[in-house]
Amino acid sequence: MNTSNPEKLISDFIKYAEIEGKTKIAGDYKLGNAMAKKINKIFEDLKNDGELAREVIGAILKSDSIRARSLAAVNALRLNIYIEESIEALEDISKDSSIIGFGAEMALKIWRGEFPGKTL
């Protein structure tokens, strides 16, 4: 992964998240799993560079894509960055009636400790 280009990481993350979100709704789990692996790879790279993580996740949290924002928010909470912004994003997304909204709602419940033993 080329971590020297934050703009590419941002655009790739959003692109993969959009595809992954559509596959959730359509039931195309094979493609969805492939996109999830790409998203997880980006996140793994971000975990190793706090400054890059703040730049990339901060930009994605401002995206128009609800799936990208929800994934960025969950990853931000995992990294203990952008806590208020992430909670706000997940609360907003949880109002969506799709599986994406439901996932955001569940992520908030896990974050708030409503499911003992579960972590993001």
PDB file of N, CA and C in Angstrom:
ATOM      1  N   MET A   1       0.850  -1.184   0.000  1.00  0.00           N
ATOM      2  CA  MET A   1       0.000   0.000   0.000  1.00  0.00           C
ATOM      3  C   MET A   1       0.889   1.239   0.000  1.00  0.00           C
ATOM      4  N   ASN A   2       0.576   2.172  -0.851  1.00  0.00           N
ATOM      5  CA  ASN A   2       1.349   3.402  -0.954  1.00  0.00           C
ATOM      6  C   ASN A   2       0.823   4.419   0.043  1.00  0.00           C
ATOM      7  N   THR A   3       1.481   4.488   1.204  1.00  0.00           N
ATOM      8  CA  THR A   3       1.026   5.403   2.251  1.00  0.00           C
ATOM      9  C   THR A   3       1.577   6.803   2.065  1.00  0.00           C
ATOM     10  N   SER A   4       2.363   7.022   1.006  1.00  0.00           N
ATOM     11  CA  SER A   4       2.897   8.361   0.778  1.00  0.00           C
ATOM     12  C   SER A   4       1.894   9.247   0.048  1.00  0.00           C
ATOM     13  N   ASN A   5       0.752   8.700  -0.336  1.00  0.00           N
ATOM     14  CA  ASN A   5      -0.246   9.465  -1.064  1.00  0.00           C
ATOM     15  C   ASN A   5      -1.589   9.411  -0.323  1.00  0.00           C
ATOM     16  N   PRO A   6      -1.791  10.316   0.640  1.00  0.00           N
ATOM     17  CA  PRO A   6      -3.032  10.296   1.415  1.00  0.00           C
ATOM     18  C   PRO A   6      -4.280  10.454   0.545  1.00  0.00           C
ATOM     19  N   GLU A   7      -4.191  11.268  -0.510  1.00  0.00           N
ATOM     20  CA  GLU A   7      -5.365  11.477  -1.370  1.00  0.00           C
ATOM     21  C   GLU A   7      -5.806  10.171  -2.024  1.00  0.00           C
ATOM     22  N   LYS A   8      -4.834   9.343  -2.424  1.00  0.00           N
ATOM     23  CA  LYS A   8      -5.175   8.052  -3.028  1.00  0.00           C
ATOM     24  C   LYS A   8      -5.798   7.125  -1.988  1.00  0.00           C
ATOM     25  N   LEU A   9      -5.268   7.125  -0.780  1.00  0.00           N
ATOM     26  CA  LEU A   9      -5.853   6.305   0.282  1.00  0.00           C
ATOM     27  C   LEU A   9      -7.297   6.724   0.547  1.00  0.00           C
ATOM     28  N   ILE A  10      -7.528   8.027   0.581  1.00  0.00           N
ATOM     29  CA  ILE A  10      -8.880   8.551   0.820  1.00  0.00           C
ATOM     30  C   ILE A  10      -9.812   8.117  -0.303  1.00  0.00           C
ATOM     31  N   SER A  11      -9.396   8.346  -1.547  1.00  0.00           N
ATOM     32  CA  SER A  11     -10.278   8.004  -2.672  1.00  0.00           C
ATOM     33  C   SER A  11     -10.487   6.494  -2.775  1.00  0.00           C
ATOM     34  N   ASP A  12      -9.447   5.695  -2.531  1.00  0.00           N
ATOM     35  CA  ASP A  12      -9.593   4.243  -2.572  1.00  0.00           C
ATOM     36  C   ASP A  12     -10.538   3.760  -1.473  1.00  0.00           C
ATOM     37  N   PHE A  13     -10.370   4.280  -0.263  1.00  0.00           N
ATOM     38  CA  PHE A  13     -11.212   3.883   0.866  1.00  0.00           C
ATOM     39  C   PHE A  13     -12.673   4.178   0.546  1.00  0.00           C
ATOM     40  N   ILE A  14     -12.947   5.379   0.044  1.00  0.00           N
ATOM     41  CA  ILE A  14     -14.321   5.758  -0.280  1.00  0.00           C
ATOM     42  C   ILE A  14     -14.870   4.871  -1.399  1.00  0.00           C
ATOM     43  N   LYS A  15     -14.062   4.650  -2.425  1.00  0.00           N
ATOM     44  CA  LYS A  15     -14.498   3.812  -3.548  1.00  0.00           C
ATOM     45  C   LYS A  15     -14.816   2.393  -3.070  1.00  0.00           C
ATOM     46  N   TYR A  16     -13.906   1.792  -2.306  1.00  0.00           N
ATOM     47  CA  TYR A  16     -14.117   0.430  -1.820  1.00  0.00           C
ATOM     48  C   TYR A  16     -15.329   0.368  -0.877  1.00  0.00           C
ATOM     49  N   ALA A  17     -15.485   1.374  -0.035  1.00  0.00           N
ATOM     50  CA  ALA A  17     -16.612   1.405   0.905  1.00  0.00           C
ATOM     51  C   ALA A  17     -17.935   1.511   0.160  1.00  0.00           C
ATOM     52  N   GLU A  18     -17.975   2.329  -0.875  1.00  0.00           N
ATOM     53  CA  GLU A  18     -19.194   2.461  -1.677  1.00  0.00           C
ATOM     54  C   GLU A  18     -19.572   1.126  -2.304  1.00  0.00           C
ATOM     55  N   ILE A  19     -18.602   0.462  -2.888  1.00  0.00           N
ATOM     56  CA  ILE A  19     -18.864  -0.841  -3.510  1.00  0.00           C
ATOM     57  C   ILE A  19     -19.299  -1.845  -2.451  1.00  0.00           C
ATOM     58  N   GLU A  20     -18.589  -1.878  -1.334  1.00  0.00           N
ATOM     59  CA  GLU A  20     -18.899  -2.826  -0.257  1.00  0.00           C
ATOM     60  C   GLU A  20     -20.302  -2.567   0.279  1.00  0.00           C
ATOM     61  N   GLY A  21     -20.679  -1.313   0.432  1.00  0.00           N
ATOM     62  CA  GLY A  21     -22.019  -0.977   0.911  1.00  0.00           C
ATOM     63  C   GLY A  21     -23.098  -1.444  -0.049  1.00  0.00           C
ATOM     64  N   LYS A  22     -22.870  -1.248  -1.339  1.00  0.00           N
ATOM     65  CA  LYS A  22     -23.845  -1.698  -2.346  1.00  0.00           C
ATOM     66  C   LYS A  22     -23.965  -3.214  -2.357  1.00  0.00           C
ATOM     67  N   THR A  23     -22.855  -3.909  -2.124  1.00  0.00           N
ATOM     68  CA  THR A  23     -22.909  -5.375  -2.116  1.00  0.00           C
ATOM     69  C   THR A  23     -23.686  -5.882  -0.906  1.00  0.00           C
ATOM     70  N   LYS A  24     -23.618  -5.170   0.208  1.00  0.00           N
ATOM     71  CA  LYS A  24     -24.397  -5.555   1.382  1.00  0.00           C
ATOM     72  C   LYS A  24     -25.885  -5.525   1.065  1.00  0.00           C
ATOM     73  N   ILE A  25     -26.304  -4.469   0.400  1.00  0.00           N
ATOM     74  CA  ILE A  25     -27.712  -4.300   0.065  1.00  0.00           C
ATOM     75  C   ILE A  25     -28.129  -5.315  -0.999  1.00  0.00           C
ATOM     76  N   ALA A  26     -27.254  -5.575  -1.970  1.00  0.00           N
ATOM     77  CA  ALA A  26     -27.574  -6.487  -3.073  1.00  0.00           C
ATOM     78  C   ALA A  26     -27.360  -7.958  -2.722  1.00  0.00           C
ATOM     79  N   GLY A  27     -26.632  -8.232  -1.645  1.00  0.00           N
ATOM     80  CA  GLY A  27     -26.367  -9.611  -1.259  1.00  0.00           C
ATOM     81  C   GLY A  27     -25.203 -10.246  -1.997  1.00  0.00           C
ATOM     82  N   ASP A  28     -24.333  -9.430  -2.602  1.00  0.00           N
ATOM     83  CA  ASP A  28     -23.158  -9.946  -3.321  1.00  0.00           C
ATOM     84  C   ASP A  28     -21.988 -10.036  -2.339  1.00  0.00           C
ATOM     85  N   TYR A  29     -22.008 -11.071  -1.524  1.00  0.00           N
ATOM     86  CA  TYR A  29     -21.037 -11.175  -0.442  1.00  0.00           C
ATOM     87  C   TYR A  29     -19.624 -11.459  -0.918  1.00  0.00           C
ATOM     88  N   LYS A  30     -19.494 -12.117  -2.059  1.00  0.00           N
ATOM     89  CA  LYS A  30     -18.155 -12.404  -2.590  1.00  0.00           C
ATOM     90  C   LYS A  30     -17.426 -11.099  -2.909  1.00  0.00           C
ATOM     91  N   LEU A  31     -18.069 -10.218  -3.671  1.00  0.00           N
ATOM     92  CA  LEU A  31     -17.464  -8.921  -3.983  1.00  0.00           C
ATOM     93  C   LEU A  31     -17.333  -8.076  -2.717  1.00  0.00           C
ATOM     94  N   GLY A  32     -18.333  -8.133  -1.866  1.00  0.00           N
ATOM     95  CA  GLY A  32     -18.291  -7.382  -0.610  1.00  0.00           C
ATOM     96  C   GLY A  32     -17.107  -7.779   0.254  1.00  0.00           C
ATOM     97  N   ASN A  33     -16.844  -9.068   0.341  1.00  0.00           N
ATOM     98  CA  ASN A  33     -15.702  -9.543   1.131  1.00  0.00           C
ATOM     99  C   ASN A  33     -14.384  -9.094   0.522  1.00  0.00           C
ATOM    100  N   ALA A  34     -14.301  -9.069  -0.796  1.00  0.00           N
ATOM    101  CA  ALA A  34     -13.082  -8.590  -1.466  1.00  0.00           C
ATOM    102  C   ALA A  34     -12.846  -7.118  -1.151  1.00  0.00           C
ATOM    103  N   MET A  35     -13.921  -6.317  -1.159  1.00  0.00           N
ATOM    104  CA  MET A  35     -13.792  -4.894  -0.846  1.00  0.00           C
ATOM    105  C   MET A  35     -13.430  -4.703   0.625  1.00  0.00           C
ATOM    106  N   ALA A  36     -14.027  -5.506   1.493  1.00  0.00           N
ATOM    107  CA  ALA A  36     -13.726  -5.417   2.925  1.00  0.00           C
ATOM    108  C   ALA A  36     -12.247  -5.693   3.188  1.00  0.00           C
ATOM    109  N   LYS A  37     -11.674  -6.639   2.467  1.00  0.00           N
ATOM    110  CA  LYS A  37     -10.247  -6.930   2.623  1.00  0.00           C
ATOM    111  C   LYS A  37      -9.404  -5.727   2.223  1.00  0.00           C
ATOM    112  N   LYS A  38      -9.789  -5.046   1.150  1.00  0.00           N
ATOM    113  CA  LYS A  38      -9.050  -3.860   0.711  1.00  0.00           C
ATOM    114  C   LYS A  38      -9.178  -2.733   1.730  1.00  0.00           C
ATOM    115  N   ILE A  39     -10.378  -2.556   2.274  1.00  0.00           N
ATOM    116  CA  ILE A  39     -10.607  -1.536   3.300  1.00  0.00           C
ATOM    117  C   ILE A  39      -9.784  -1.858   4.539  1.00  0.00           C
ATOM    118  N   ASN A  40      -9.791  -3.112   4.958  1.00  0.00           N
ATOM    119  CA  ASN A  40      -9.031  -3.522   6.143  1.00  0.00           C
ATOM    120  C   ASN A  40      -7.536  -3.327   5.942  1.00  0.00           C
ATOM    121  N   LYS A  41      -7.050  -3.540   4.729  1.00  0.00           N
ATOM    122  CA  LYS A  41      -5.627  -3.315   4.438  1.00  0.00           C
ATOM    123  C   LYS A  41      -5.274  -1.836   4.608  1.00  0.00           C
ATOM    124  N   ILE A  42      -6.128  -0.975   4.105  1.00  0.00           N
ATOM    125  CA  ILE A  42      -5.887   0.465   4.287  1.00  0.00           C
ATOM    126  C   ILE A  42      -5.875   0.792   5.775  1.00  0.00           C
ATOM    127  N   PHE A  43      -6.843   0.265   6.521  1.00  0.00           N
ATOM    128  CA  PHE A  43      -6.897   0.533   7.955  1.00  0.00           C
ATOM    129  C   PHE A  43      -5.650   0.022   8.668  1.00  0.00           C
ATOM    130  N   GLU A  44      -5.175  -1.149   8.300  1.00  0.00           N
ATOM    131  CA  GLU A  44      -3.958  -1.692   8.911  1.00  0.00           C
ATOM    132  C   GLU A  44      -2.772  -0.750   8.682  1.00  0.00           C
ATOM    133  N   ASP A  45      -2.676  -0.205   7.474  1.00  0.00           N
ATOM    134  CA  ASP A  45      -1.606   0.750   7.182  1.00  0.00           C
ATOM    135  C   ASP A  45      -1.764   2.022   8.008  1.00  0.00           C
ATOM    136  N   LEU A  46      -2.993   2.464   8.186  1.00  0.00           N
ATOM    137  CA  LEU A  46      -3.242   3.681   8.965  1.00  0.00           C
ATOM    138  C   LEU A  46      -2.915   3.491  10.443  1.00  0.00           C
ATOM    139  N   LYS A  47      -3.162   2.290  10.946  1.00  0.00           N
ATOM    140  CA  LYS A  47      -2.875   2.024  12.366  1.00  0.00           C
ATOM    141  C   LYS A  47      -1.410   2.264  12.695  1.00  0.00           C
ATOM    142  N   ASN A  48      -0.550   2.106  11.715  1.00  0.00           N
ATOM    143  CA  ASN A  48       0.889   2.234  11.947  1.00  0.00           C
ATOM    144  C   ASN A  48       1.417   3.650  11.763  1.00  0.00           C
ATOM    145  N   ASP A  49       0.534   4.581  11.418  1.00  0.00           N
ATOM    146  CA  ASP A  49       0.964   5.961  11.179  1.00  0.00           C
ATOM    147  C   ASP A  49      -0.145   6.897  11.654  1.00  0.00           C
ATOM    148  N   GLY A  50      -0.028   7.330  12.904  1.00  0.00           N
ATOM    149  CA  GLY A  50      -1.065   8.154  13.520  1.00  0.00           C
ATOM    150  C   GLY A  50      -1.372   9.428  12.774  1.00  0.00           C
ATOM    151  N   GLU A  51      -0.351  10.100  12.273  1.00  0.00           N
ATOM    152  CA  GLU A  51      -0.559  11.352  11.549  1.00  0.00           C
ATOM    153  C   GLU A  51      -1.330  11.095  10.251  1.00  0.00           C
ATOM    154  N   LEU A  52      -0.934  10.059   9.532  1.00  0.00           N
ATOM    155  CA  LEU A  52      -1.625   9.697   8.299  1.00  0.00           C
ATOM    156  C   LEU A  52      -3.063   9.275   8.603  1.00  0.00           C
ATOM    157  N   ALA A  53      -3.260   8.517   9.668  1.00  0.00           N
ATOM    158  CA  ALA A  53      -4.601   8.086  10.055  1.00  0.00           C
ATOM    159  C   ALA A  53      -5.500   9.286  10.311  1.00  0.00           C
ATOM    160  N   ARG A  54      -4.991  10.283  11.017  1.00  0.00           N
ATOM    161  CA  ARG A  54      -5.800  11.478  11.298  1.00  0.00           C
ATOM    162  C   ARG A  54      -6.151  12.198   9.997  1.00  0.00           C
ATOM    163  N   GLU A  55      -5.209  12.300   9.091  1.00  0.00           N
ATOM    164  CA  GLU A  55      -5.460  12.999   7.834  1.00  0.00           C
ATOM    165  C   GLU A  55      -6.498  12.253   6.987  1.00  0.00           C
ATOM    166  N   VAL A  56      -6.292  10.962   6.822  1.00  0.00           N
ATOM    167  CA  VAL A  56      -7.156  10.170   5.954  1.00  0.00           C
ATOM    168  C   VAL A  56      -8.550  10.011   6.565  1.00  0.00           C
ATOM    169  N   ILE A  57      -8.617   9.594   7.805  1.00  0.00           N
ATOM    170  CA  ILE A  57      -9.916   9.382   8.449  1.00  0.00           C
ATOM    171  C   ILE A  57     -10.671  10.699   8.593  1.00  0.00           C
ATOM    172  N   GLY A  58      -9.962  11.763   8.926  1.00  0.00           N
ATOM    173  CA  GLY A  58     -10.605  13.073   9.038  1.00  0.00           C
ATOM    174  C   GLY A  58     -11.279  13.481   7.738  1.00  0.00           C
ATOM    175  N   ALA A  59     -10.620  13.225   6.622  1.00  0.00           N
ATOM    176  CA  ALA A  59     -11.195  13.568   5.316  1.00  0.00           C
ATOM    177  C   ALA A  59     -12.388  12.670   4.994  1.00  0.00           C
ATOM    178  N   ILE A  60     -12.278  11.394   5.290  1.00  0.00           N
ATOM    179  CA  ILE A  60     -13.365  10.465   4.967  1.00  0.00           C
ATOM    180  C   ILE A  60     -14.605  10.763   5.811  1.00  0.00           C
ATOM    181  N   LEU A  61     -14.405  11.203   7.045  1.00  0.00           N
ATOM    182  CA  LEU A  61     -15.548  11.556   7.891  1.00  0.00           C
ATOM    183  C   LEU A  61     -16.370  12.702   7.307  1.00  0.00           C
ATOM    184  N   LYS A  62     -15.802  13.443   6.369  1.00  0.00           N
ATOM    185  CA  LYS A  62     -16.504  14.548   5.711  1.00  0.00           C
ATOM    186  C   LYS A  62     -17.091  14.137   4.370  1.00  0.00           C
ATOM    187  N   SER A  63     -16.927  12.874   4.013  1.00  0.00           N
ATOM    188  CA  SER A  63     -17.396  12.353   2.731  1.00  0.00           C
ATOM    189  C   SER A  63     -18.923  12.352   2.657  1.00  0.00           C
ATOM    190  N   ASP A  64     -19.440  12.365   1.447  1.00  0.00           N
ATOM    191  CA  ASP A  64     -20.884  12.236   1.229  1.00  0.00           C
ATOM    192  C   ASP A  64     -21.339  10.780   1.317  1.00  0.00           C
ATOM    193  N   SER A  65     -20.408   9.849   1.263  1.00  0.00           N
ATOM    194  CA  SER A  65     -20.735   8.424   1.290  1.00  0.00           C
ATOM    195  C   SER A  65     -21.027   7.977   2.724  1.00  0.00           C
ATOM    196  N   ILE A  66     -22.270   7.523   2.957  1.00  0.00           N
ATOM    197  CA  ILE A  66     -22.581   7.101   4.330  1.00  0.00           C
ATOM    198  C   ILE A  66     -21.812   5.843   4.709  1.00  0.00           C
ATOM    199  N   ARG A  67     -21.543   4.961   3.768  1.00  0.00           N
ATOM    200  CA  ARG A  67     -20.793   3.744   4.090  1.00  0.00           C
ATOM    201  C   ARG A  67     -19.348   4.085   4.420  1.00  0.00           C
ATOM    202  N   ALA A  68     -18.735   4.958   3.634  1.00  0.00           N
ATOM    203  CA  ALA A  68     -17.354   5.359   3.920  1.00  0.00           C
ATOM    204  C   ALA A  68     -17.276   6.073   5.263  1.00  0.00           C
ATOM    205  N   ARG A  69     -18.233   6.961   5.523  1.00  0.00           N
ATOM    206  CA  ARG A  69     -18.232   7.677   6.804  1.00  0.00           C
ATOM    207  C   ARG A  69     -18.418   6.729   7.971  1.00  0.00           C
ATOM    208  N   SER A  70     -19.310   5.751   7.810  1.00  0.00           N
ATOM    209  CA  SER A  70     -19.536   4.827   8.924  1.00  0.00           C
ATOM    210  C   SER A  70     -18.295   3.984   9.200  1.00  0.00           C
ATOM    211  N   LEU A  71     -17.643   3.497   8.155  1.00  0.00           N
ATOM    212  CA  LEU A  71     -16.423   2.709   8.346  1.00  0.00           C
ATOM    213  C   LEU A  71     -15.292   3.562   8.915  1.00  0.00           C
ATOM    214  N   ALA A  72     -15.182   4.795   8.437  1.00  0.00           N
ATOM    215  CA  ALA A  72     -14.154   5.694   8.972  1.00  0.00           C
ATOM    216  C   ALA A  72     -14.416   5.985  10.445  1.00  0.00           C
ATOM    217  N   ALA A  73     -15.680   6.176  10.793  1.00  0.00           N
ATOM    218  CA  ALA A  73     -16.028   6.463  12.191  1.00  0.00           C
ATOM    219  C   ALA A  73     -15.674   5.289  13.099  1.00  0.00           C
ATOM    220  N   VAL A  74     -16.001   4.083  12.665  1.00  0.00           N
ATOM    221  CA  VAL A  74     -15.674   2.900  13.467  1.00  0.00           C
ATOM    222  C   VAL A  74     -14.158   2.778  13.623  1.00  0.00           C
ATOM    223  N   ASN A  75     -13.429   2.981  12.537  1.00  0.00           N
ATOM    224  CA  ASN A  75     -11.971   2.894  12.617  1.00  0.00           C
ATOM    225  C   ASN A  75     -11.390   4.005  13.481  1.00  0.00           C
ATOM    226  N   ALA A  76     -11.973   5.187  13.421  1.00  0.00           N
ATOM    227  CA  ALA A  76     -11.512   6.287  14.283  1.00  0.00           C
ATOM    228  C   ALA A  76     -11.719   5.922  15.747  1.00  0.00           C
ATOM    229  N   LEU A  77     -12.865   5.354  16.082  1.00  0.00           N
ATOM    230  CA  LEU A  77     -13.108   4.941  17.462  1.00  0.00           C
ATOM    231  C   LEU A  77     -12.105   3.884  17.897  1.00  0.00           C
ATOM    232  N   ARG A  78     -11.772   2.965  17.005  1.00  0.00           N
ATOM    233  CA  ARG A  78     -10.768   1.935  17.319  1.00  0.00           C
ATOM    234  C   ARG A  78      -9.411   2.562  17.625  1.00  0.00           C
ATOM    235  N   LEU A  79      -9.104   3.655  16.917  1.00  0.00           N
ATOM    236  CA  LEU A  79      -7.814   4.335  17.100  1.00  0.00           C
ATOM    237  C   LEU A  79      -7.863   5.429  18.164  1.00  0.00           C
ATOM    238  N   ASN A  80      -9.057   5.638  18.722  1.00  0.00           N
ATOM    239  CA  ASN A  80      -9.253   6.656  19.742  1.00  0.00           C
ATOM    240  C   ASN A  80      -8.953   8.075  19.219  1.00  0.00           C
ATOM    241  N   ILE A  81      -9.395   8.333  17.987  1.00  0.00           N
ATOM    242  CA  ILE A  81      -9.272   9.660  17.387  1.00  0.00           C
ATOM    243  C   ILE A  81     -10.643  10.085  16.878  1.00  0.00           C
ATOM    244  N   TYR A  82     -10.849  11.372  16.754  1.00  0.00           N
ATOM    245  CA  TYR A  82     -12.113  11.919  16.230  1.00  0.00           C
ATOM    246  C   TYR A  82     -13.334  11.297  16.919  1.00  0.00           C
ATOM    247  N   ILE A  83     -13.267  11.177  18.226  1.00  0.00           N
ATOM    248  CA  ILE A  83     -14.331  10.505  18.974  1.00  0.00           C
ATOM    249  C   ILE A  83     -15.677  11.211  18.774  1.00  0.00           C
ATOM    250  N   GLU A  84     -15.729  12.508  19.053  1.00  0.00           N
ATOM    251  CA  GLU A  84     -17.000  13.240  18.938  1.00  0.00           C
ATOM    252  C   GLU A  84     -17.539  13.213  17.512  1.00  0.00           C
ATOM    253  N   GLU A  85     -16.660  13.436  16.538  1.00  0.00           N
ATOM    254  CA  GLU A  85     -17.075  13.436  15.137  1.00  0.00           C
ATOM    255  C   GLU A  85     -17.589  12.063  14.708  1.00  0.00           C
ATOM    256  N   SER A  86     -16.932  11.020  15.211  1.00  0.00           N
ATOM    257  CA  SER A  86     -17.326   9.653  14.856  1.00  0.00           C
ATOM    258  C   SER A  86     -18.678   9.297  15.449  1.00  0.00           C
ATOM    259  N   ILE A  87     -18.883   9.640  16.698  1.00  0.00           N
ATOM    260  CA  ILE A  87     -20.170   9.368  17.336  1.00  0.00           C
ATOM    261  C   ILE A  87     -21.276  10.132  16.615  1.00  0.00           C
ATOM    262  N   GLU A  88     -21.009  11.384  16.297  1.00  0.00           N
ATOM    263  CA  GLU A  88     -21.990  12.194  15.575  1.00  0.00           C
ATOM    264  C   GLU A  88     -22.309  11.573  14.209  1.00  0.00           C
ATOM    265  N   ALA A  89     -21.279  11.133  13.491  1.00  0.00           N
ATOM    266  CA  ALA A  89     -21.488  10.512  12.175  1.00  0.00           C
ATOM    267  C   ALA A  89     -22.313   9.238  12.309  1.00  0.00           C
ATOM    268  N   LEU A  90     -21.965   8.390  13.267  1.00  0.00           N
ATOM    269  CA  LEU A  90     -22.695   7.135  13.444  1.00  0.00           C
ATOM    270  C   LEU A  90     -24.140   7.377  13.881  1.00  0.00           C
ATOM    271  N   GLU A  91     -24.352   8.365  14.738  1.00  0.00           N
ATOM    272  CA  GLU A  91     -25.724   8.696  15.137  1.00  0.00           C
ATOM    273  C   GLU A  91     -26.536   9.155  13.935  1.00  0.00           C
ATOM    274  N   ASP A  92     -25.935   9.979  13.086  1.00  0.00           N
ATOM    275  CA  ASP A  92     -26.616  10.462  11.885  1.00  0.00           C
ATOM    276  C   ASP A  92     -26.912   9.304  10.930  1.00  0.00           C
ATOM    277  N   ILE A  93     -25.927   8.469  10.682  1.00  0.00           N
ATOM    278  CA  ILE A  93     -26.081   7.351   9.750  1.00  0.00           C
ATOM    279  C   ILE A  93     -27.066   6.322  10.281  1.00  0.00           C
ATOM    280  N   SER A  94     -27.126   6.167  11.593  1.00  0.00           N
ATOM    281  CA  SER A  94     -28.033   5.170  12.180  1.00  0.00           C
ATOM    282  C   SER A  94     -29.502   5.488  11.898  1.00  0.00           C
ATOM    283  N   LYS A  95     -29.805   6.701  11.492  1.00  0.00           N
ATOM    284  CA  LYS A  95     -31.178   7.088  11.143  1.00  0.00           C
ATOM    285  C   LYS A  95     -31.580   6.562   9.769  1.00  0.00           C
ATOM    286  N   ASP A  96     -30.595   6.132   8.973  1.00  0.00           N
ATOM    287  CA  ASP A  96     -30.870   5.581   7.647  1.00  0.00           C
ATOM    288  C   ASP A  96     -31.551   4.222   7.819  1.00  0.00           C
ATOM    289  N   SER A  97     -32.557   3.940   7.006  1.00  0.00           N
ATOM    290  CA  SER A  97     -33.338   2.716   7.167  1.00  0.00           C
ATOM    291  C   SER A  97     -32.685   1.480   6.537  1.00  0.00           C
ATOM    292  N   SER A  98     -31.507   1.626   5.970  1.00  0.00           N
ATOM    293  CA  SER A  98     -30.835   0.502   5.316  1.00  0.00           C
ATOM    294  C   SER A  98     -30.000  -0.313   6.308  1.00  0.00           C
ATOM    295  N   ILE A  99     -29.392  -1.373   5.790  1.00  0.00           N
ATOM    296  CA  ILE A  99     -28.472  -2.187   6.586  1.00  0.00           C
ATOM    297  C   ILE A  99     -27.274  -1.362   7.050  1.00  0.00           C
ATOM    298  N   ILE A 100     -26.923  -0.334   6.274  1.00  0.00           N
ATOM    299  CA  ILE A 100     -25.812   0.551   6.652  1.00  0.00           C
ATOM    300  C   ILE A 100     -26.184   1.311   7.924  1.00  0.00           C
ATOM    301  N   GLY A 101     -27.417   1.807   7.987  1.00  0.00           N
ATOM    302  CA  GLY A 101     -27.897   2.505   9.179  1.00  0.00           C
ATOM    303  C   GLY A 101     -27.942   1.583  10.386  1.00  0.00           C
ATOM    304  N   PHE A 102     -28.405   0.360  10.164  1.00  0.00           N
ATOM    305  CA  PHE A 102     -28.454  -0.620  11.246  1.00  0.00           C
ATOM    306  C   PHE A 102     -27.050  -0.922  11.761  1.00  0.00           C
ATOM    307  N   GLY A 103     -26.096  -1.066  10.843  1.00  0.00           N
ATOM    308  CA  GLY A 103     -24.712  -1.323  11.245  1.00  0.00           C
ATOM    309  C   GLY A 103     -24.146  -0.180  12.076  1.00  0.00           C
ATOM    310  N   ALA A 104     -24.467   1.049  11.696  1.00  0.00           N
ATOM    311  CA  ALA A 104     -24.003   2.216  12.465  1.00  0.00           C
ATOM    312  C   ALA A 104     -24.604   2.205  13.864  1.00  0.00           C
ATOM    313  N   GLU A 105     -25.887   1.854  13.945  1.00  0.00           N
ATOM    314  CA  GLU A 105     -26.553   1.772  15.246  1.00  0.00           C
ATOM    315  C   GLU A 105     -25.886   0.711  16.130  1.00  0.00           C
ATOM    316  N   MET A 106     -25.588  -0.438  15.553  1.00  0.00           N
ATOM    317  CA  MET A 106     -24.949  -1.516  16.314  1.00  0.00           C
ATOM    318  C   MET A 106     -23.533  -1.111  16.749  1.00  0.00           C
ATOM    319  N   ALA A 107     -22.810  -0.436  15.866  1.00  0.00           N
ATOM    320  CA  ALA A 107     -21.461   0.024  16.227  1.00  0.00           C
ATOM    321  C   ALA A 107     -21.517   0.961  17.426  1.00  0.00           C
ATOM    322  N   LEU A 108     -22.496   1.861  17.439  1.00  0.00           N
ATOM    323  CA  LEU A 108     -22.648   2.772  18.584  1.00  0.00           C
ATOM    324  C   LEU A 108     -22.966   2.000  19.860  1.00  0.00           C
ATOM    325  N   LYS A 109     -23.841   1.026  19.758  1.00  0.00           N
ATOM    326  CA  LYS A 109     -24.200   0.240  20.943  1.00  0.00           C
ATOM    327  C   LYS A 109     -22.990  -0.518  21.474  1.00  0.00           C
ATOM    328  N   ILE A 110     -22.199  -1.071  20.576  1.00  0.00           N
ATOM    329  CA  ILE A 110     -20.980  -1.767  21.009  1.00  0.00           C
ATOM    330  C   ILE A 110     -20.025  -0.777  21.652  1.00  0.00           C
ATOM    331  N   TRP A 111     -19.828   0.381  21.016  1.00  0.00           N
ATOM    332  CA  TRP A 111     -18.922   1.411  21.538  1.00  0.00           C
ATOM    333  C   TRP A 111     -19.359   1.854  22.939  1.00  0.00           C
ATOM    334  N   ARG A 112     -20.659   1.945  23.140  1.00  0.00           N
ATOM    335  CA  ARG A 112     -21.194   2.423  24.427  1.00  0.00           C
ATOM    336  C   ARG A 112     -21.268   1.322  25.473  1.00  0.00           C
ATOM    337  N   GLY A 113     -20.856   0.108  25.111  1.00  0.00           N
ATOM    338  CA  GLY A 113     -20.816  -0.987  26.075  1.00  0.00           C
ATOM    339  C   GLY A 113     -22.147  -1.677  26.304  1.00  0.00           C
ATOM    340  N   GLU A 114     -23.083  -1.527  25.377  1.00  0.00           N
ATOM    341  CA  GLU A 114     -24.405  -2.131  25.544  1.00  0.00           C
ATOM    342  C   GLU A 114     -24.397  -3.640  25.253  1.00  0.00           C
ATOM    343  N   PHE A 115     -23.306  -4.130  24.690  1.00  0.00           N
ATOM    344  CA  PHE A 115     -23.148  -5.561  24.441  1.00  0.00           C
ATOM    345  C   PHE A 115     -21.880  -6.015  25.155  1.00  0.00           C
ATOM    346  N   PRO A 116     -21.992  -6.425  26.406  1.00  0.00           N
ATOM    347  CA  PRO A 116     -20.788  -6.811  27.159  1.00  0.00           C
ATOM    348  C   PRO A 116     -19.975  -7.867  26.412  1.00  0.00           C
ATOM    349  N   GLY A 117     -18.685  -7.668  26.410  1.00  0.00           N
ATOM    350  CA  GLY A 117     -17.780  -8.609  25.777  1.00  0.00           C
ATOM    351  C   GLY A 117     -17.534  -8.335  24.312  1.00  0.00           C
ATOM    352  N   LYS A 118     -18.288  -7.416  23.717  1.00  0.00           N
ATOM    353  CA  LYS A 118     -18.112  -7.081  22.307  1.00  0.00           C
ATOM    354  C   LYS A 118     -17.274  -5.815  22.187  1.00  0.00           C
ATOM    355  N   THR A 119     -16.386  -5.808  21.220  1.00  0.00           N
ATOM    356  CA  THR A 119     -15.588  -4.613  20.947  1.00  0.00           C
ATOM    357  C   THR A 119     -15.605  -4.329  19.450  1.00  0.00           C
ATOM    358  N   LEU A 120     -15.348  -3.073  19.126  1.00  0.00           N
ATOM    359  CA  LEU A 120     -15.298  -2.702  17.706  1.00  0.00           C
ATOM    360  C   LEU A 120     -14.070  -3.258  17.063  1.00  0.00           C
TER     361      LEU A 120
END
